[in-house]
C-alpha atoms as a PDB file:
ATOM      1  CA  MET A   1      57.349  36.973   7.214  1.00  0.00           C
ATOM      2  CA  ALA A   2      55.011  34.520   8.018  1.00  0.00           C
ATOM      3  CA  ALA A   3      53.869  32.647   5.278  1.00  0.00           C
ATOM      4  CA  PRO A   4      49.782  33.152   4.165  1.00  0.00           C
ATOM      5  CA  ARG A   5      47.551  31.106   5.667  1.00  0.00           C
ATOM      6  CA  SER A   6      45.510  28.752   3.764  1.00  0.00           C
ATOM      7  CA  PRO A   7      41.688  28.418   3.803  1.00  0.00           C
ATOM      8  CA  GLY A   8      41.518  25.012   4.692  1.00  0.00           C
ATOM      9  CA  LYS A   9      43.487  25.456   8.339  1.00  0.00           C
ATOM     10  CA  GLY A  10      43.311  27.522  11.083  1.00  0.00           C
ATOM     11  CA  LYS A  11      40.855  28.374  14.149  1.00  0.00           C
ATOM     12  CA  PHE A  12      37.839  28.667  12.158  1.00  0.00           C
ATOM     13  CA  PHE A  13      38.473  25.754   9.763  1.00  0.00           C
ATOM     14  CA  LYS A  14      38.769  22.373  11.481  1.00  0.00           C
ATOM     15  CA  ARG A  15      38.819  19.320   9.972  1.00  0.00           C
ATOM     16  CA  LYS A  16      36.091  16.728  10.870  1.00  0.00           C
ATOM     17  CA  ARG A  17      37.643  13.602  12.420  1.00  0.00           C
ATOM     18  CA  VAL A  18      37.107  10.489  10.757  1.00  0.00           C
ATOM     19  CA  PHE A  19      36.637   7.208  13.086  1.00  0.00           C
ATOM     20  CA  ARG A  20      38.446   4.213  12.164  1.00  0.00           C
ATOM     21  CA  ARG A  21      37.527   1.049  13.339  1.00  0.00           C
ATOM     22  CA  ALA A  22      40.281  -1.707  13.895  1.00  0.00           C
ATOM     23  CA  GLU A  23      38.193  -3.953  11.942  1.00  0.00           C
ATOM     24  CA  PRO A  24      35.325  -4.168   9.726  1.00  0.00           C
ATOM     25  CA  GLU A  25      31.945  -3.649  11.432  1.00  0.00           C
ATOM     26  CA  PRO A  26      29.336  -6.863  10.878  1.00  0.00           C
ATOM     27  CA  ILE A  27      26.653  -5.612   8.006  1.00  0.00           C
ATOM     28  CA  GLU A  28      23.742  -6.694  10.894  1.00  0.00           C
ATOM     29  CA  ALA A  29      25.287  -4.260  13.218  1.00  0.00           C
ATOM     30  CA  ILE A  30      24.742  -1.477  10.243  1.00  0.00           C
ATOM     31  CA  LEU A  31      21.374  -2.272   9.766  1.00  0.00           C
ATOM     32  CA  ASP A  32      20.117  -2.565  13.037  1.00  0.00           C
ATOM     33  CA  ARG A  33      21.484   0.739  13.490  1.00  0.00           C
ATOM     34  CA  ALA A  34      19.669   2.029  10.348  1.00  0.00           C
ATOM     35  CA  GLY A  35      16.601   0.927  11.271  1.00  0.00           C
ATOM     36  CA  GLU A  36      13.427  -0.607   9.518  1.00  0.00           C
ATOM     37  CA  GLN A  37      12.541   2.634   7.574  1.00  0.00           C
ATOM     38  CA  ARG A  38      15.966   3.583   6.051  1.00  0.00           C
ATOM     39  CA  HIS A  39      14.687   3.263   2.348  1.00  0.00           C
ATOM     40  CA  ALA A  40      11.371   6.078   3.190  1.00  0.00           C
ATOM     41  CA  GLY A  41      12.170   9.257   2.207  1.00  0.00           C
ATOM     42  CA  ARG A  42      10.077  10.439   5.482  1.00  0.00           C
ATOM     43  CA  LEU A  43       8.615   8.680   8.590  1.00  0.00           C
ATOM     44  CA  LEU A  44       4.578   8.831   8.946  1.00  0.00           C
ATOM     45  CA  PRO A  45       3.657   9.260  12.336  1.00  0.00           C
ATOM     46  CA  VAL A  46       1.254   6.387  11.923  1.00  0.00           C
ATOM     47  CA  GLY A  47       2.253   3.166  10.287  1.00  0.00           C
ATOM     48  CA  PHE A  48       0.438   1.993   7.407  1.00  0.00           C
ATOM     49  CA  GLY A  49      -1.313  -0.788   8.533  1.00  0.00           C
ATOM     50  CA  ALA A  50      -2.320   0.654  11.588  1.00  0.00           C
ATOM     51  CA  TRP A  51      -3.522   3.943   9.716  1.00  0.00           C
ATOM     52  CA  ARG A  52      -5.423   1.816   6.900  1.00  0.00           C
ATOM     53  CA  ARG A  53      -6.875  -0.274   9.814  1.00  0.00           C
ATOM     54  CA  ALA A  54      -7.960   2.775  11.700  1.00  0.00           C
ATOM     55  CA  VAL A  55      -9.823   4.482   8.975  1.00  0.00           C
ATOM     56  CA  GLY A  56     -10.691   1.972   6.288  1.00  0.00           C
ATOM     57  CA  PRO A  57      -9.407   1.671   2.537  1.00  0.00           C
ATOM     58  CA  LYS A  58     -11.624   4.470   1.096  1.00  0.00           C
ATOM     59  CA  ILE A  59     -10.467   7.135   3.311  1.00  0.00           C
ATOM     60  CA  ALA A  60      -6.401   5.909   3.592  1.00  0.00           C
ATOM     61  CA  ASP A  61      -6.507   5.924  -0.208  1.00  0.00           C
ATOM     62  CA  ARG A  62      -7.549   9.947   0.156  1.00  0.00           C
ATOM     63  CA  ALA A  63      -5.849  10.982   3.169  1.00  0.00           C
ATOM     64  CA  LEU A  64      -2.674  10.488   4.755  1.00  0.00           C
ATOM     65  CA  PRO A  65      -0.967  11.053   8.241  1.00  0.00           C
ATOM     66  CA  VAL A  66       2.428  13.714   7.808  1.00  0.00           C
ATOM     67  CA  ALA A  67       2.717  14.545  11.402  1.00  0.00           C
ATOM     68  CA  LEU A  68       1.862  13.902  15.089  1.00  0.00           C
ATOM     69  CA  GLU A  69       3.394  16.482  17.333  1.00  0.00           C
ATOM     70  CA  LYS A  70       1.937  16.983  21.245  1.00  0.00           C
ATOM     71  CA  GLY A  71      -1.197  14.986  20.490  1.00  0.00           C
ATOM     72  CA  VAL A  72      -1.927  16.894  17.106  1.00  0.00           C
ATOM     73  CA  LEU A  73      -2.314  14.541  14.503  1.00  0.00           C
ATOM     74  CA  THR A  74      -1.863  17.038  10.933  1.00  0.00           C
ATOM     75  CA  ILE A  75      -3.610  14.895   7.792  1.00  0.00           C
ATOM     76  CA  LEU A  76      -2.986  15.589   4.009  1.00  0.00           C
ATOM     77  CA  VAL A  77      -6.386  14.969   2.405  1.00  0.00           C
ATOM     78  CA  ALA A  78      -7.587  14.918  -1.217  1.00  0.00           C
ATOM     79  CA  ASN A  79      -9.503  17.727  -1.254  1.00  0.00           C
ATOM     80  CA  SER A  80     -11.672  20.420   1.273  1.00  0.00           C
ATOM     81  CA  ALA A  81     -14.941  17.503   1.098  1.00  0.00           C
ATOM     82  CA  TRP A  82     -12.703  15.377   2.538  1.00  0.00           C
ATOM     83  CA  ALA A  83     -11.336  17.506   5.180  1.00  0.00           C
ATOM     84  CA  GLN A  84     -14.634  18.347   5.971  1.00  0.00           C
ATOM     85  CA  GLU A  85     -16.113  14.902   6.198  1.00  0.00           C
ATOM     86  CA  LEU A  86     -13.145  13.307   8.306  1.00  0.00           C
ATOM     87  CA  SER A  87     -13.585  16.585  10.903  1.00  0.00           C
ATOM     88  CA  LEU A  88     -17.176  15.558  11.232  1.00  0.00           C
ATOM     89  CA  LEU A  89     -15.732  11.859  12.117  1.00  0.00           C
ATOM     90  CA  GLN A  90     -13.027  13.065  14.773  1.00  0.00           C
ATOM     91  CA  ARG A  91     -14.343  11.464  17.718  1.00  0.00           C
ATOM     92  CA  ASP A  92     -14.658   8.024  15.880  1.00  0.00           C
ATOM     93  CA  LEU A  93     -11.468   8.481  14.302  1.00  0.00           C
ATOM     94  CA  SER A  94      -9.645   9.178  17.931  1.00  0.00           C
ATOM     95  CA  ALA A  95     -11.086   6.031  19.312  1.00  0.00           C
ATOM     96  CA  ARG A  96     -10.338   3.778  16.311  1.00  0.00           C
ATOM     97  CA  LEU A  97      -6.421   5.222  16.319  1.00  0.00           C
ATOM     98  CA  GLU A  98      -6.232   4.737  20.549  1.00  0.00           C
ATOM     99  CA  LYS A  99      -7.268   0.736  19.822  1.00  0.00           C
ATOM    100  CA  GLU A 100      -3.719   1.021  17.369  1.00  0.00           C
ATOM    101  CA  ASN A 101      -2.074   2.350  20.131  1.00  0.00           C
ATOM    102  CA  VAL A 102      -1.854   6.240  18.770  1.00  0.00           C
ATOM    103  CA  VAL A 103      -3.036   9.139  20.863  1.00  0.00           C
ATOM    104  CA  VAL A 104      -4.873  11.881  19.193  1.00  0.00           C
ATOM    105  CA  ARG A 105      -6.376  14.614  20.799  1.00  0.00           C
ATOM    106  CA  GLU A 106      -6.716  16.816  18.017  1.00  0.00           C
ATOM    107  CA  PHE A 107      -6.840  16.783  14.240  1.00  0.00           C
ATOM    108  CA  ARG A 108      -5.627  19.594  11.690  1.00  0.00           C
ATOM    109  CA  PHE A 109      -6.205  18.807   8.283  1.00  0.00           C
ATOM    110  CA  ARG A 110      -4.520  20.043   5.277  1.00  0.00           C
ATOM    111  CA  VAL A 111      -5.414  19.852   1.375  1.00  0.00           C
ATOM    112  CA  GLY A 112      -2.806  18.826  -0.875  1.00  0.00           C
ATOM    113  CA  PRO A 113      -1.789  16.183  -3.375  1.00  0.00           C
ATOM    114  CA  VAL A 114      -1.948  12.681  -1.344  1.00  0.00           C
ATOM    115  CA  GLU A 115       1.196  10.952  -2.402  1.00  0.00           C
ATOM    116  CA  THR A 116      -0.426   7.425  -3.059  1.00  0.00           C
ATOM    117  CA  PHE A 117       3.082   6.234  -3.869  1.00  0.00           C
ATOM    118  CA  LEU A 118       3.878   6.312  -0.559  1.00  0.00           C
ATOM    119  CA  LEU A 119       1.665   3.347   0.523  1.00  0.00           C
ATOM    120  CA  PRO A 120       2.630  -0.337  -0.103  1.00  0.00           C
ATOM    121  CA  PRO A 121       0.962  -1.691  -3.305  1.00  0.00           C
ATOM    122  CA  GLU A 122      -1.673  -4.092  -3.460  1.00  0.00           C
ATOM    123  CA  ARG A 123      -0.918  -7.392  -3.716  1.00  0.00           C
ATOM    124  CA  ARG A 124      -2.788  -8.815  -7.099  1.00  0.00           C
ATOM    125  CA  ILE A 125      -2.669 -12.410  -8.138  1.00  0.00           C
ATOM    126  CA  ALA A 126      -2.628 -13.081 -11.797  1.00  0.00           C
ATOM    127  CA  ARG A 127      -5.074 -16.186 -12.441  1.00  0.00           C
ATOM    128  CA  VAL A 128      -4.736 -18.586 -15.189  1.00  0.00           C
ATOM    129  CA  VAL A 129      -7.988 -18.591 -17.624  1.00  0.00           C
ATOM    130  CA  PRO A 130      -8.719 -21.879 -18.670  1.00  0.00           C
ATOM    131  CA  PRO A 131      -9.439 -22.640 -21.913  1.00  0.00           C
ATOM    132  CA  PRO A 132     -13.301 -23.268 -22.752  1.00  0.00           C
ATOM    133  CA  ALA A 133     -15.118 -26.462 -22.009  1.00  0.00           C
ATOM    134  CA  PRO A 134     -17.370 -28.592 -24.294  1.00  0.00           C
ATOM    135  CA  LEU A 135     -20.989 -28.333 -23.740  1.00  0.00           C
ATOM    136  CA  PRO A 136     -22.632 -31.504 -22.110  1.00  0.00           C
ATOM    137  CA  SER A 137     -25.166 -32.508 -24.610  1.00  0.00           C
ATOM    138  CA  ASP A 138     -28.445 -31.957 -22.760  1.00  0.00           C
ATOM    139  CA  LEU A 139     -27.423 -28.103 -22.455  1.00  0.00           C
ATOM    140  CA  GLU A 140     -27.006 -28.286 -26.107  1.00  0.00           C
ATOM    141  CA  GLU A 141     -30.259 -29.795 -26.696  1.00  0.00           C
ATOM    142  CA  ASN A 142     -31.923 -26.881 -24.322  1.00  0.00           C
ATOM    143  CA  LEU A 143     -30.096 -23.826 -25.892  1.00  0.00           C
ATOM    144  CA  SER A 144     -31.607 -24.872 -29.228  1.00  0.00           C
ATOM    145  CA  HIS A 145     -35.095 -23.984 -28.049  1.00  0.00           C
ATOM    146  CA  VAL A 146     -33.719 -20.408 -27.443  1.00  0.00           C
ATOM    147  CA  ALA A 147     -34.846 -18.381 -30.495  1.00  0.00           C
ATOM    148  CA  ASP A 148     -32.476 -15.516 -30.656  1.00  0.00           C
ATOM    149  CA  GLU A 149     -29.220 -16.972 -32.214  1.00  0.00           C
ATOM    150  CA  THR A 150     -26.979 -13.956 -30.417  1.00  0.00           C
ATOM    151  CA  LEU A 151     -28.478 -14.576 -27.000  1.00  0.00           C
ATOM    152  CA  ARG A 152     -28.122 -18.575 -27.271  1.00  0.00           C
ATOM    153  CA  ALA A 153     -24.115 -18.046 -28.605  1.00  0.00           C
ATOM    154  CA  LEU A 154     -23.663 -15.874 -25.595  1.00  0.00           C
ATOM    155  CA  ILE A 155     -25.037 -18.481 -23.385  1.00  0.00           C
ATOM    156  CA  ALA A 156     -23.280 -21.181 -24.729  1.00  0.00           C
ATOM    157  CA  GLU A 157     -19.781 -19.143 -24.489  1.00  0.00           C
ATOM    158  CA  SER A 158     -20.542 -18.598 -20.659  1.00  0.00           C
ATOM    159  CA  ALA A 159     -21.539 -21.685 -19.796  1.00  0.00           C
ATOM    160  CA  SER A 160     -18.359 -23.259 -21.186  1.00  0.00           C
ATOM    161  CA  ALA A 161     -16.190 -20.486 -19.621  1.00  0.00           C
ATOM    162  CA  ASN A 162     -18.077 -21.646 -16.553  1.00  0.00           C
ATOM    163  CA  LEU A 163     -17.497 -25.555 -16.642  1.00  0.00           C
ATOM    164  CA  ALA A 164     -13.782 -24.728 -17.683  1.00  0.00           C
ATOM    165  CA  TRP A 165     -13.637 -22.512 -14.762  1.00  0.00           C
ATOM    166  CA  GLN A 166     -15.028 -25.358 -12.303  1.00  0.00           C
ATOM    167  CA  GLU A 167     -12.901 -27.987 -13.969  1.00  0.00           C
ATOM    168  CA  TYR A 168      -9.940 -25.986 -12.995  1.00  0.00           C
ATOM    169  CA  VAL A 169     -10.599 -25.613  -9.620  1.00  0.00           C
ATOM    170  CA  ALA A 170     -11.693 -28.998  -8.647  1.00  0.00           C
ATOM    171  CA  ARG A 171      -8.281 -30.116  -9.939  1.00  0.00           C
ATOM    172  CA  PRO A 172      -5.195 -30.287  -7.618  1.00  0.00           C
ATOM    173  CA  ALA A 173      -2.800 -27.803  -7.547  1.00  0.00           C
ATOM    174  CA  ALA A 174       0.171 -29.767  -9.077  1.00  0.00           C
ATOM    175  CA  GLU A 175      -2.307 -30.091 -12.098  1.00  0.00           C
ATOM    176  CA  LYS A 176      -2.866 -26.486 -12.466  1.00  0.00           C
ATOM    177  CA  LYS A 177       0.881 -25.645 -12.888  1.00  0.00           C
ATOM    178  CA  LYS A 178       0.635 -27.513 -15.934  1.00  0.00           C
END
């Protein structure tokens, strides 16, 4: 009597062949093979930059291209008002996208949450706020003629901050880091 077959062997259960290299593959080759979008969860049919240039930042924040098949661009929009607005702008959008080398003959809109986390973050620059600068004597004398005490204090504070900023901007870059 023959021995019972194990479930992993036989004509229906074949092992996957693993390709073994004689030597390690360079990391550059692996990364080149993976491509630029290797970390993206899903690829968008129109690049972020091209989409933003074509439609402008206001629309790009509320609408996202999700598919482009046979010239039909499907756009995910935040609400039906945006779908209506963009449907009225189809000819203009098509011409702008064509300038970005994206040929679209038809648009379709889907309403749903626009995943803004897919968009690259805005670059924000933190600026140093310099300490208030002393007011020149002639400015202090002119401020003494302002009758309202609260208004006088606000003008003095604003002028002091503005003078400090002007001095800060006029300084060379090496001094600003100090």
